[in-house]
Protein backbone atom coordinates (compact mmCIF):
# COMPACT_ATOMS: atom_id res chain seq x y z
CA UNK A 1 -15.48 -26.03 28.55
CA UNK A 2 -11.94 -24.93 29.25
CA UNK A 3 -10.11 -23.13 31.99
CA UNK A 4 -10.21 -23.24 35.76
CA UNK A 5 -13.44 -23.51 37.74
CA UNK A 6 -13.74 -22.25 41.33
CA UNK A 7 -13.98 -25.06 43.92
CA UNK A 8 -17.51 -26.28 44.61
CA UNK A 9 -19.03 -24.59 41.54
CA UNK A 10 -20.90 -26.44 38.81
CA UNK A 11 -18.57 -26.36 35.76
CA UNK A 12 -21.37 -25.93 33.19
CA UNK A 13 -23.07 -23.14 35.13
CA UNK A 14 -19.72 -21.40 35.63
CA UNK A 15 -18.90 -21.69 31.93
CA UNK A 16 -22.24 -20.05 31.02
CA UNK A 17 -21.66 -17.28 33.59
CA UNK A 18 -18.10 -16.67 32.41
CA UNK A 19 -19.21 -16.39 28.77
CA UNK A 20 -21.99 -13.91 29.65
CA UNK A 21 -19.55 -11.73 31.61
CA UNK A 22 -16.97 -11.81 28.81
CA UNK A 23 -19.65 -10.99 26.23
CA UNK A 24 -20.48 -7.90 28.33
CA UNK A 25 -17.04 -6.40 27.73
CA UNK A 26 -17.37 -3.52 25.23
CA UNK A 27 -15.95 -4.45 21.86
CA UNK A 28 -15.96 -3.13 18.32
CA UNK A 29 -16.91 -5.23 15.35
CA UNK A 30 -14.65 -5.00 12.30
CA UNK A 31 -13.97 -6.66 8.98
CA UNK A 32 -10.39 -7.91 8.73
CA UNK A 33 -8.89 -8.03 5.23
CA UNK A 34 -6.12 -10.47 4.36
CA UNK A 35 -4.28 -11.73 1.32
CA UNK A 36 -1.42 -13.94 0.24
CA UNK A 37 -0.53 -13.92 -3.43
CA UNK A 38 -3.77 -13.81 -5.41
CA UNK A 39 -5.87 -15.20 -2.51
CA UNK A 40 -7.97 -12.68 -0.56
CA UNK A 41 -10.45 -12.90 2.29
CA UNK A 42 -12.55 -10.73 4.57
CA UNK A 43 -13.48 -11.94 8.06
CA UNK A 44 -15.62 -10.47 10.82
CA UNK A 45 -13.59 -9.94 14.02
CA UNK A 46 -14.16 -8.24 17.33
CA UNK A 47 -10.83 -8.79 19.05
CA UNK A 48 -8.94 -5.79 17.73
CA UNK A 49 -7.36 -2.92 19.63
CA UNK A 50 -4.57 -0.36 19.56
CA UNK A 51 -1.71 -1.64 21.74
CA UNK A 52 1.01 1.02 21.37
CA UNK A 53 1.28 4.76 20.86
CA UNK A 54 4.83 4.80 19.53
CA UNK A 55 4.99 3.18 17.11
CA UNK A 56 1.27 3.00 16.31
CA UNK A 57 0.48 -0.69 16.74
CA UNK A 58 -2.83 -2.54 16.45
CA UNK A 59 -3.40 -6.15 17.51
CA UNK A 60 -6.00 -8.55 16.12
CA UNK A 61 -6.72 -12.02 17.43
CA UNK A 62 -7.49 -14.68 14.82
CA UNK A 63 -8.30 -18.35 15.35
CA UNK A 64 -5.39 -20.48 14.13
CA UNK A 65 -7.65 -22.73 12.03
CA UNK A 66 -9.17 -19.80 10.10
CA UNK A 67 -8.30 -19.09 6.47
CA UNK A 68 -7.61 -15.48 7.49
CA UNK A 69 -4.90 -16.69 9.88
CA UNK A 70 -3.15 -18.48 7.02
CA UNK A 71 -3.38 -15.43 4.76
CA UNK A 72 -2.22 -12.87 7.36
CA UNK A 73 0.71 -15.10 8.35
CA UNK A 74 1.76 -15.61 4.71
CA UNK A 75 0.98 -12.09 3.46
CA UNK A 76 2.48 -10.24 6.42
CA UNK A 77 -0.23 -7.58 6.52
CA UNK A 78 -3.90 -6.96 7.25
CA UNK A 79 -6.55 -4.29 6.97
CA UNK A 80 -9.35 -3.36 9.36
CA UNK A 81 -12.52 -1.88 7.92
CA UNK A 82 -14.71 -0.03 10.42
CA UNK A 83 -18.38 0.13 9.52
CA UNK A 84 -21.21 2.48 10.42
CA UNK A 85 -23.50 1.25 13.18
CA UNK A 86 -26.27 0.97 10.59
CA UNK A 87 -24.25 -1.62 8.59
CA UNK A 88 -24.65 -4.46 11.10
CA UNK A 89 -26.06 -6.87 8.50
CA UNK A 90 -22.91 -6.47 6.40
CA UNK A 91 -20.61 -8.21 8.91
CA UNK A 92 -22.64 -11.41 8.70
CA UNK A 93 -21.45 -11.81 5.08
CA UNK A 94 -17.93 -12.43 6.39
CA UNK A 95 -18.35 -14.96 9.20
CA UNK A 96 -17.18 -17.78 6.90
CA UNK A 97 -14.35 -17.82 4.35
CA UNK A 98 -15.24 -15.87 1.21
CA UNK A 99 -16.24 -18.07 -1.72
CA UNK A 100 -17.08 -15.26 -4.16
CA UNK A 101 -13.90 -13.22 -4.75
CA UNK A 102 -13.61 -11.25 -7.98
CA UNK A 103 -10.73 -8.79 -7.82
CA UNK A 104 -8.14 -7.53 -10.26
CA UNK A 105 -4.37 -7.65 -9.71
CA UNK A 106 -4.57 -4.48 -7.58
CA UNK A 107 -7.23 -5.98 -5.31
CA UNK A 108 -10.13 -3.88 -6.65
CA UNK A 109 -13.45 -5.65 -7.23
CA UNK A 110 -15.85 -7.55 -5.00
CA UNK A 111 -15.71 -10.05 -2.14
CA UNK A 112 -19.00 -11.82 -1.36
CA UNK A 113 -20.64 -9.29 -3.68
CA UNK A 114 -19.40 -6.29 -1.67
CA UNK A 115 -17.19 -3.68 -3.33
CA UNK A 116 -13.57 -3.64 -2.15
CA UNK A 117 -10.39 -1.86 -3.05
CA UNK A 118 -6.90 -3.16 -2.53
CA UNK A 119 -4.74 -1.52 0.12
CA UNK A 120 -1.09 -0.69 -0.62
CA UNK A 121 -0.01 -4.29 0.08
CA UNK A 122 -3.10 -5.87 -1.52
CA UNK A 123 -5.36 -6.80 1.39
CA UNK A 124 -8.98 -5.77 0.72
CA UNK A 125 -10.71 -2.76 2.28
CA UNK A 126 -14.51 -2.65 2.16
CA UNK A 127 -15.82 0.26 0.11
CA UNK A 128 -18.55 0.65 2.75
CA UNK A 129 -15.97 1.35 5.48
CA UNK A 130 -16.37 4.66 7.34
CA UNK A 131 -12.72 4.33 8.41
CA UNK A 132 -9.94 1.84 7.75
CA UNK A 133 -6.40 0.86 8.71
CA UNK A 134 -3.67 -1.01 6.88
CA UNK A 135 -1.05 -2.71 9.04
CA UNK A 136 2.19 -4.58 8.42
CA UNK A 137 2.61 -7.52 10.81
CA UNK A 138 5.54 -6.90 13.16
CA UNK A 139 4.91 -9.70 15.67
CA UNK A 140 2.78 -12.80 16.14
CA UNK A 141 1.98 -14.18 19.58
CA UNK A 142 0.35 -17.57 20.20
CA UNK A 143 -2.55 -17.14 22.64
CA UNK A 144 -4.50 -20.35 23.26
CA UNK A 145 -6.65 -21.22 20.24
CA UNK A 146 -5.71 -17.95 18.49
CA UNK A 147 -2.75 -15.92 17.34
CA UNK A 148 -2.41 -12.26 18.15
CA UNK A 149 -1.13 -10.48 15.06
CA UNK A 150 0.49 -7.17 16.00
CA UNK A 151 0.61 -4.76 13.09
CA UNK A 152 2.17 -1.35 12.61
CA UNK A 153 -0.25 1.12 11.03
CA UNK A 154 1.19 1.99 7.60
CA UNK A 155 -1.86 3.64 6.04
CA UNK A 156 -5.35 4.71 7.09
CA UNK A 157 -8.27 6.85 6.08
CA UNK A 158 -11.92 7.73 6.39
CA UNK A 159 -14.65 6.46 4.12
CA UNK A 160 -14.24 5.34 0.56
CA UNK A 161 -11.36 6.92 -1.30
CA UNK A 162 -10.28 10.25 0.11
CA UNK A 163 -13.36 11.05 2.23
CA UNK A 164 -12.79 13.95 4.64
CA UNK A 165 -12.13 13.28 8.30
CA UNK A 166 -14.94 14.10 10.71
CA UNK A 167 -14.56 17.50 12.41
CA UNK A 168 -12.16 17.54 15.40
CA UNK A 169 -13.84 16.23 18.54
CA UNK A 170 -16.58 14.42 16.61
CA UNK A 171 -16.49 10.66 16.97
CA UNK A 172 -17.57 8.23 14.30
CA UNK A 173 -20.47 6.02 15.25
CA UNK A 174 -18.85 2.70 14.35
CA UNK A 175 -20.34 -0.76 14.63
CA UNK A 176 -19.98 -2.49 17.98
CA UNK A 177 -20.65 -6.03 19.07
CA UNK A 178 -23.64 -4.89 21.12
CA UNK A 179 -25.31 -3.67 17.89
CA UNK A 180 -25.72 -7.28 16.77
CA UNK A 181 -26.83 -10.56 18.24
CA UNK A 182 -23.34 -11.93 17.72
CA UNK A 183 -21.24 -12.85 20.73
CA UNK A 184 -17.92 -13.68 19.16
CA UNK A 185 -16.25 -12.47 16.03
CA UNK A 186 -12.70 -13.68 16.07
């Protein structure tokens, strides 16, 4: 338990209440790609959001003890793969550091048995992604147990390869935290 507790309130009960309220906040569920040198990883995250219009900046929060934190900090970039709502089982493959990584020098191959391709800077993008972003880290902010990596969007796309964008006004049905039984993905 951490953080303040209102006076006269049971700390354990308040902690349970606070977690349930925070879990109720709408959140996407993504797969964050990272690399440093020849090392690559994919990690399930839910703390990701656009934070600036000009320039186009996206922030992701990653626990400081995670392998992905080490790789994003050293590699200076990350990718975000957005998945279809029907792909909820796929994110569970990336809740622990990848142990099965077979990629060529360009980053093409598999991670945990899932097909990936290397982004411009080498971080993996899931082939199953319905949309993806590649970002260069422009700032890192320490926030409690995590670091907030702020990245400028340097490349993006829909689907595998050069899939067409959905028609204007049509939104992709991307995976959200509420589609799973997970309550934290960062």
